[in-house]
Amino acid sequence: MKRRRIWVLMKVVLLIINATGLIAYSRVYRDFGLLQGLVCGVVFLPVLYLWVTNNARGLESLAAIDAPFSPMQRYPQAYWLTMGVTLSVASIFGMLASVVFKDVHAELPSGCLMVGLAMCVAVACAARTIRSR
């Protein structure tokens, strides 16, 4: 039971680190916006889909919050889904921070949201392909 809790704690810590870094970096970095995030997401989606599909050993438990996600080579689907979800949620926190704090800009979080959503879509498509094998 305690081993399962460590994965939940690691995911929460990862989310806090992502959100803190995104909010802090959004104060000075404004060159990566929604359009750039969309382009990166469109380019990254098929690459990640092919990588996860080829490296998966079977269908993993993706919906469980206490499922392990590391190391990446052992749990590729869970790893990339965790990274995509934490990046997306941290981006939403960053956009909310841009509403609350006037010195935080929403460009970087909106671009990172597109990349995070592309990660989630790629893993969901790869899981469907793996399930149909």
N, C-alpha and C. Protein backbone atom coordinates (compact mmCIF):
# COMPACT_ATOMS: atom_id res chain seq x y z
N MET A 1 0.81 -1.20 0.00
CA MET A 1 0.00 0.00 0.00
C MET A 1 0.86 1.26 0.00
N LYS A 2 1.95 1.26 0.78
CA LYS A 2 2.80 2.44 0.82
C LYS A 2 3.54 2.66 -0.49
N ARG A 3 3.83 1.56 -1.20
CA ARG A 3 4.51 1.70 -2.48
C ARG A 3 3.63 2.40 -3.50
N ARG A 4 2.34 2.20 -3.40
CA ARG A 4 1.41 2.85 -4.33
C ARG A 4 1.31 4.35 -4.03
N ARG A 5 1.41 4.71 -2.76
CA ARG A 5 1.29 6.12 -2.38
C ARG A 5 2.47 6.94 -2.89
N ILE A 6 3.62 6.32 -3.01
CA ILE A 6 4.79 7.06 -3.48
C ILE A 6 4.59 7.55 -4.90
N TRP A 7 3.87 6.78 -5.74
CA TRP A 7 3.63 7.21 -7.12
C TRP A 7 2.69 8.41 -7.16
N VAL A 8 1.70 8.42 -6.28
CA VAL A 8 0.80 9.58 -6.20
C VAL A 8 1.59 10.81 -5.75
N LEU A 9 2.45 10.64 -4.74
CA LEU A 9 3.27 11.75 -4.25
C LEU A 9 4.22 12.25 -5.34
N MET A 10 4.81 11.34 -6.10
CA MET A 10 5.71 11.75 -7.18
C MET A 10 4.97 12.53 -8.26
N LYS A 11 3.76 12.14 -8.58
CA LYS A 11 2.98 12.86 -9.59
C LYS A 11 2.58 14.25 -9.09
N VAL A 12 2.24 14.36 -7.81
CA VAL A 12 1.89 15.67 -7.25
C VAL A 12 3.12 16.58 -7.23
N VAL A 13 4.27 16.04 -6.83
CA VAL A 13 5.50 16.83 -6.82
C VAL A 13 5.85 17.28 -8.24
N LEU A 14 5.71 16.40 -9.21
CA LEU A 14 5.98 16.75 -10.60
C LEU A 14 5.06 17.87 -11.08
N LEU A 15 3.80 17.80 -10.70
CA LEU A 15 2.84 18.85 -11.07
C LEU A 15 3.23 20.18 -10.43
N ILE A 16 3.61 20.16 -9.17
CA ILE A 16 3.99 21.40 -8.48
C ILE A 16 5.24 22.00 -9.11
N ILE A 17 6.22 21.17 -9.42
CA ILE A 17 7.44 21.66 -10.05
C ILE A 17 7.15 22.25 -11.43
N ASN A 18 6.33 21.56 -12.22
CA ASN A 18 5.97 22.08 -13.55
C ASN A 18 5.23 23.41 -13.45
N ALA A 19 4.26 23.48 -12.55
CA ALA A 19 3.47 24.71 -12.42
C ALA A 19 4.34 25.87 -11.92
N THR A 20 5.17 25.61 -10.94
CA THR A 20 6.04 26.66 -10.41
C THR A 20 7.01 27.15 -11.47
N GLY A 21 7.62 26.23 -12.19
CA GLY A 21 8.56 26.61 -13.24
C GLY A 21 7.89 27.37 -14.37
N LEU A 22 6.73 26.93 -14.76
CA LEU A 22 6.02 27.60 -15.85
C LEU A 22 5.60 29.01 -15.46
N ILE A 23 5.10 29.16 -14.23
CA ILE A 23 4.67 30.49 -13.79
C ILE A 23 5.88 31.41 -13.65
N ALA A 24 6.96 30.90 -13.08
CA ALA A 24 8.16 31.73 -12.91
C ALA A 24 8.78 32.10 -14.25
N TYR A 25 8.82 31.16 -15.17
CA TYR A 25 9.44 31.41 -16.47
C TYR A 25 8.55 32.26 -17.37
N SER A 26 7.24 32.26 -17.12
CA SER A 26 6.31 33.05 -17.93
C SER A 26 6.46 34.54 -17.70
N ARG A 27 7.15 34.91 -16.66
CA ARG A 27 7.35 36.34 -16.37
C ARG A 27 8.33 36.98 -17.35
N VAL A 28 9.27 36.19 -17.87
CA VAL A 28 10.31 36.76 -18.72
C VAL A 28 10.31 36.21 -20.14
N TYR A 29 9.77 35.03 -20.36
CA TYR A 29 9.85 34.37 -21.65
C TYR A 29 8.52 34.49 -22.38
N ARG A 30 8.51 35.16 -23.52
CA ARG A 30 7.26 35.38 -24.24
C ARG A 30 7.33 34.96 -25.71
N ASP A 31 8.36 34.22 -26.09
CA ASP A 31 8.53 33.88 -27.51
C ASP A 31 7.83 32.58 -27.93
N PHE A 32 7.37 31.79 -26.99
CA PHE A 32 6.72 30.52 -27.30
C PHE A 32 5.24 30.67 -26.94
N GLY A 33 4.41 30.78 -27.96
CA GLY A 33 3.00 31.04 -27.73
C GLY A 33 2.12 29.91 -28.22
N LEU A 34 0.87 30.23 -28.42
CA LEU A 34 -0.13 29.25 -28.82
C LEU A 34 0.18 28.66 -30.19
N LEU A 35 0.53 29.47 -31.15
CA LEU A 35 0.82 28.99 -32.50
C LEU A 35 2.05 28.09 -32.51
N GLN A 36 3.10 28.49 -31.81
CA GLN A 36 4.31 27.66 -31.75
C GLN A 36 4.04 26.35 -31.02
N GLY A 37 3.22 26.40 -29.99
CA GLY A 37 2.85 25.18 -29.27
C GLY A 37 2.03 24.24 -30.14
N LEU A 38 1.15 24.80 -30.94
CA LEU A 38 0.35 24.00 -31.86
C LEU A 38 1.22 23.32 -32.91
N VAL A 39 2.18 24.05 -33.45
CA VAL A 39 3.09 23.48 -34.44
C VAL A 39 3.94 22.37 -33.80
N CYS A 40 4.48 22.64 -32.62
CA CYS A 40 5.29 21.62 -31.93
C CYS A 40 4.44 20.39 -31.59
N GLY A 41 3.21 20.61 -31.17
CA GLY A 41 2.33 19.50 -30.86
C GLY A 41 2.01 18.64 -32.07
N VAL A 42 1.76 19.29 -33.21
CA VAL A 42 1.45 18.56 -34.45
C VAL A 42 2.67 17.76 -34.91
N VAL A 43 3.86 18.31 -34.74
CA VAL A 43 5.07 17.59 -35.13
C VAL A 43 5.38 16.47 -34.13
N PHE A 44 5.17 16.74 -32.85
CA PHE A 44 5.53 15.79 -31.79
C PHE A 44 4.55 14.62 -31.70
N LEU A 45 3.28 14.84 -32.04
CA LEU A 45 2.26 13.81 -31.89
C LEU A 45 2.57 12.53 -32.67
N PRO A 46 2.85 12.55 -33.96
CA PRO A 46 3.12 11.29 -34.65
C PRO A 46 4.43 10.63 -34.21
N VAL A 47 5.42 11.44 -33.86
CA VAL A 47 6.69 10.88 -33.40
C VAL A 47 6.47 10.13 -32.09
N LEU A 48 5.77 10.76 -31.15
CA LEU A 48 5.52 10.11 -29.86
C LEU A 48 4.61 8.90 -30.04
N TYR A 49 3.62 8.98 -30.91
CA TYR A 49 2.74 7.85 -31.17
C TYR A 49 3.53 6.64 -31.66
N LEU A 50 4.41 6.86 -32.63
CA LEU A 50 5.21 5.75 -33.16
C LEU A 50 6.16 5.20 -32.11
N TRP A 51 6.77 6.08 -31.32
CA TRP A 51 7.71 5.62 -30.30
C TRP A 51 7.01 4.79 -29.24
N VAL A 52 5.86 5.27 -28.75
CA VAL A 52 5.13 4.54 -27.71
C VAL A 52 4.58 3.22 -28.27
N THR A 53 4.08 3.24 -29.48
CA THR A 53 3.54 2.02 -30.08
C THR A 53 4.63 0.96 -30.26
N ASN A 54 5.82 1.36 -30.66
CA ASN A 54 6.89 0.40 -30.89
C ASN A 54 7.58 -0.05 -29.61
N ASN A 55 7.56 0.74 -28.55
CA ASN A 55 8.26 0.39 -27.33
C ASN A 55 7.38 -0.19 -26.24
N ALA A 56 6.08 -0.24 -26.45
CA ALA A 56 5.18 -0.76 -25.42
C ALA A 56 5.25 -2.28 -25.37
N ARG A 57 5.26 -2.79 -24.17
CA ARG A 57 5.29 -4.25 -23.98
C ARG A 57 3.89 -4.84 -23.81
N GLY A 58 2.93 -4.01 -23.65
CA GLY A 58 1.55 -4.44 -23.47
C GLY A 58 0.74 -3.26 -22.97
N LEU A 59 -0.53 -3.49 -22.74
CA LEU A 59 -1.39 -2.42 -22.27
C LEU A 59 -1.11 -2.15 -20.80
N GLU A 60 -0.90 -0.90 -20.45
CA GLU A 60 -0.59 -0.52 -19.08
C GLU A 60 -1.82 0.08 -18.42
N SER A 61 -1.75 0.18 -17.10
CA SER A 61 -2.82 0.82 -16.34
C SER A 61 -2.64 2.32 -16.42
N LEU A 62 -3.36 2.96 -17.31
CA LEU A 62 -3.18 4.40 -17.54
C LEU A 62 -4.08 5.26 -16.67
N ALA A 63 -5.22 4.74 -16.27
CA ALA A 63 -6.19 5.56 -15.55
C ALA A 63 -5.92 5.62 -14.05
N ALA A 64 -5.14 4.70 -13.52
CA ALA A 64 -4.89 4.67 -12.08
C ALA A 64 -3.88 5.74 -11.69
N ILE A 65 -4.24 6.55 -10.71
CA ILE A 65 -3.33 7.61 -10.27
C ILE A 65 -2.16 7.05 -9.47
N ASP A 66 -2.32 5.86 -8.91
CA ASP A 66 -1.24 5.28 -8.11
C ASP A 66 -0.42 4.25 -8.90
N ALA A 67 -0.57 4.25 -10.21
CA ALA A 67 0.21 3.33 -11.05
C ALA A 67 1.61 3.91 -11.28
N PRO A 68 2.61 3.05 -11.34
CA PRO A 68 3.98 3.54 -11.59
C PRO A 68 4.11 4.10 -13.01
N PHE A 69 4.98 5.10 -13.16
CA PHE A 69 5.22 5.70 -14.46
C PHE A 69 6.69 5.82 -14.80
N SER A 70 7.55 5.35 -13.94
CA SER A 70 8.98 5.45 -14.17
C SER A 70 9.62 4.11 -13.87
N PRO A 71 10.59 3.68 -14.59
CA PRO A 71 11.37 4.28 -15.66
C PRO A 71 10.61 4.29 -16.99
N MET A 72 11.02 5.20 -17.86
CA MET A 72 10.32 5.41 -19.11
C MET A 72 10.36 4.17 -20.01
N GLN A 73 11.46 3.45 -20.02
CA GLN A 73 11.56 2.27 -20.88
C GLN A 73 10.64 1.14 -20.43
N ARG A 74 10.33 1.10 -19.14
CA ARG A 74 9.47 0.03 -18.63
C ARG A 74 7.99 0.39 -18.75
N TYR A 75 7.66 1.65 -18.54
CA TYR A 75 6.27 2.12 -18.60
C TYR A 75 6.14 3.29 -19.57
N PRO A 76 6.32 3.08 -20.86
CA PRO A 76 6.31 4.23 -21.79
C PRO A 76 4.96 4.93 -21.89
N GLN A 77 3.88 4.19 -21.86
CA GLN A 77 2.56 4.81 -21.98
C GLN A 77 2.24 5.64 -20.74
N ALA A 78 2.44 5.07 -19.58
CA ALA A 78 2.15 5.79 -18.33
C ALA A 78 3.07 6.99 -18.16
N TYR A 79 4.33 6.85 -18.56
CA TYR A 79 5.28 7.95 -18.43
C TYR A 79 4.84 9.15 -19.27
N TRP A 80 4.57 8.92 -20.55
CA TRP A 80 4.23 10.04 -21.42
C TRP A 80 2.85 10.60 -21.12
N LEU A 81 1.93 9.76 -20.66
CA LEU A 81 0.62 10.29 -20.25
C LEU A 81 0.77 11.16 -19.00
N THR A 82 1.58 10.72 -18.06
CA THR A 82 1.82 11.53 -16.86
C THR A 82 2.46 12.86 -17.23
N MET A 83 3.45 12.83 -18.13
CA MET A 83 4.10 14.08 -18.53
C MET A 83 3.11 15.00 -19.25
N GLY A 84 2.27 14.45 -20.11
CA GLY A 84 1.30 15.26 -20.83
C GLY A 84 0.25 15.86 -19.92
N VAL A 85 -0.26 15.07 -18.99
CA VAL A 85 -1.29 15.57 -18.08
C VAL A 85 -0.71 16.62 -17.13
N THR A 86 0.47 16.35 -16.57
CA THR A 86 1.05 17.33 -15.65
C THR A 86 1.41 18.63 -16.38
N LEU A 87 1.90 18.53 -17.61
CA LEU A 87 2.21 19.74 -18.37
C LEU A 87 0.93 20.51 -18.70
N SER A 88 -0.13 19.80 -19.05
CA SER A 88 -1.41 20.46 -19.37
C SER A 88 -2.01 21.15 -18.15
N VAL A 89 -2.02 20.45 -17.01
CA VAL A 89 -2.59 21.03 -15.79
C VAL A 89 -1.72 22.20 -15.31
N ALA A 90 -0.40 22.04 -15.38
CA ALA A 90 0.49 23.15 -15.00
C ALA A 90 0.28 24.35 -15.92
N SER A 91 0.01 24.11 -17.19
CA SER A 91 -0.25 25.21 -18.12
C SER A 91 -1.55 25.93 -17.78
N ILE A 92 -2.54 25.18 -17.36
CA ILE A 92 -3.80 25.80 -16.94
C ILE A 92 -3.57 26.67 -15.71
N PHE A 93 -2.77 26.16 -14.75
CA PHE A 93 -2.41 26.98 -13.59
C PHE A 93 -1.65 28.23 -14.01
N GLY A 94 -0.77 28.09 -15.00
CA GLY A 94 -0.03 29.24 -15.50
C GLY A 94 -0.92 30.28 -16.14
N MET A 95 -1.93 29.82 -16.89
CA MET A 95 -2.87 30.77 -17.50
C MET A 95 -3.73 31.45 -16.45
N LEU A 96 -4.11 30.71 -15.41
CA LEU A 96 -4.85 31.32 -14.31
C LEU A 96 -3.99 32.34 -13.57
N ALA A 97 -2.70 32.03 -13.42
CA ALA A 97 -1.78 32.97 -12.77
C ALA A 97 -1.63 34.24 -13.60
N SER A 98 -1.73 34.13 -14.93
CA SER A 98 -1.62 35.32 -15.76
C SER A 98 -2.84 36.23 -15.59
N VAL A 99 -3.96 35.66 -15.18
CA VAL A 99 -5.13 36.48 -14.90
C VAL A 99 -4.98 37.17 -13.54
N VAL A 100 -4.43 36.45 -12.57
CA VAL A 100 -4.31 36.98 -11.21
C VAL A 100 -3.15 37.97 -11.09
N PHE A 101 -1.98 37.58 -11.61
CA PHE A 101 -0.79 38.42 -11.50
C PHE A 101 -0.54 39.10 -12.84
N LYS A 102 -0.35 40.38 -12.82
CA LYS A 102 -0.20 41.15 -14.06
C LYS A 102 1.17 40.96 -14.72
N ASP A 103 2.19 40.52 -13.96
CA ASP A 103 3.52 40.35 -14.56
C ASP A 103 3.75 38.96 -15.12
N VAL A 104 2.76 38.08 -15.05
CA VAL A 104 2.84 36.75 -15.64
C VAL A 104 2.09 36.77 -16.97
N HIS A 105 2.74 36.32 -18.03
CA HIS A 105 2.14 36.33 -19.37
C HIS A 105 1.61 34.95 -19.72
N ALA A 106 0.57 34.89 -20.51
CA ALA A 106 -0.10 33.63 -20.82
C ALA A 106 0.45 32.95 -22.07
N GLU A 107 1.44 33.53 -22.74
CA GLU A 107 1.91 32.96 -24.00
C GLU A 107 2.56 31.59 -23.78
N LEU A 108 3.51 31.50 -22.86
CA LEU A 108 4.21 30.23 -22.62
C LEU A 108 3.28 29.14 -22.11
N PRO A 109 2.42 29.40 -21.12
CA PRO A 109 1.50 28.34 -20.70
C PRO A 109 0.55 27.87 -21.80
N SER A 110 0.10 28.77 -22.66
CA SER A 110 -0.82 28.35 -23.72
C SER A 110 -0.10 27.46 -24.74
N GLY A 111 1.14 27.78 -25.05
CA GLY A 111 1.91 26.92 -25.95
C GLY A 111 2.20 25.57 -25.34
N CYS A 112 2.55 25.55 -24.05
CA CYS A 112 2.82 24.28 -23.36
C CYS A 112 1.55 23.44 -23.23
N LEU A 113 0.41 24.09 -23.13
CA LEU A 113 -0.86 23.35 -23.09
C LEU A 113 -1.06 22.57 -24.38
N MET A 114 -0.76 23.17 -25.51
CA MET A 114 -0.90 22.48 -26.79
C MET A 114 0.03 21.26 -26.87
N VAL A 115 1.25 21.41 -26.40
CA VAL A 115 2.21 20.30 -26.41
C VAL A 115 1.74 19.20 -25.46
N GLY A 116 1.27 19.58 -24.27
CA GLY A 116 0.78 18.59 -23.30
C GLY A 116 -0.43 17.83 -23.82
N LEU A 117 -1.34 18.52 -24.47
CA LEU A 117 -2.50 17.85 -25.04
C LEU A 117 -2.10 16.91 -26.18
N ALA A 118 -1.11 17.31 -26.97
CA ALA A 118 -0.63 16.44 -28.03
C ALA A 118 -0.02 15.16 -27.45
N MET A 119 0.68 15.28 -26.33
CA MET A 119 1.23 14.09 -25.66
C MET A 119 0.10 13.16 -25.24
N CYS A 120 -0.95 13.72 -24.64
CA CYS A 120 -2.07 12.90 -24.17
C CYS A 120 -2.78 12.21 -25.34
N VAL A 121 -2.98 12.93 -26.43
CA VAL A 121 -3.64 12.35 -27.61
C VAL A 121 -2.78 11.24 -28.22
N ALA A 122 -1.48 11.45 -28.30
CA ALA A 122 -0.58 10.44 -28.86
C ALA A 122 -0.61 9.16 -28.03
N VAL A 123 -0.59 9.29 -26.72
CA VAL A 123 -0.62 8.10 -25.85
C VAL A 123 -1.97 7.40 -25.94
N ALA A 124 -3.06 8.16 -26.00
CA ALA A 124 -4.38 7.55 -26.12
C ALA A 124 -4.52 6.79 -27.44
N CYS A 125 -4.02 7.36 -28.53
CA CYS A 125 -4.06 6.66 -29.82
C CYS A 125 -3.16 5.43 -29.81
N ALA A 126 -1.99 5.53 -29.19
CA ALA A 126 -1.09 4.39 -29.11
C ALA A 126 -1.71 3.28 -28.27
N ALA A 127 -2.36 3.64 -27.17
CA ALA A 127 -3.01 2.62 -26.33
C ALA A 127 -4.12 1.91 -27.09
N ARG A 128 -4.84 2.65 -27.90
CA ARG A 128 -5.90 2.02 -28.72
C ARG A 128 -5.30 1.07 -29.74
N THR A 129 -4.19 1.46 -30.36
CA THR A 129 -3.53 0.60 -31.32
C THR A 129 -2.99 -0.65 -30.65
N ILE A 130 -2.39 -0.49 -29.49
CA ILE A 130 -1.84 -1.63 -28.75
C ILE A 130 -2.94 -2.57 -28.31
N ARG A 131 -4.08 -2.03 -27.90
CA ARG A 131 -5.22 -2.85 -27.47
C ARG A 131 -5.76 -3.67 -28.62
N SER A 132 -5.71 -3.14 -29.84
CA SER A 132 -6.28 -3.85 -30.98
C SER A 132 -5.34 -4.91 -31.57
N ARG A 133 -4.12 -4.97 -31.07
CA ARG A 133 -3.18 -6.00 -31.59
C ARG A 133 -3.58 -7.38 -31.19
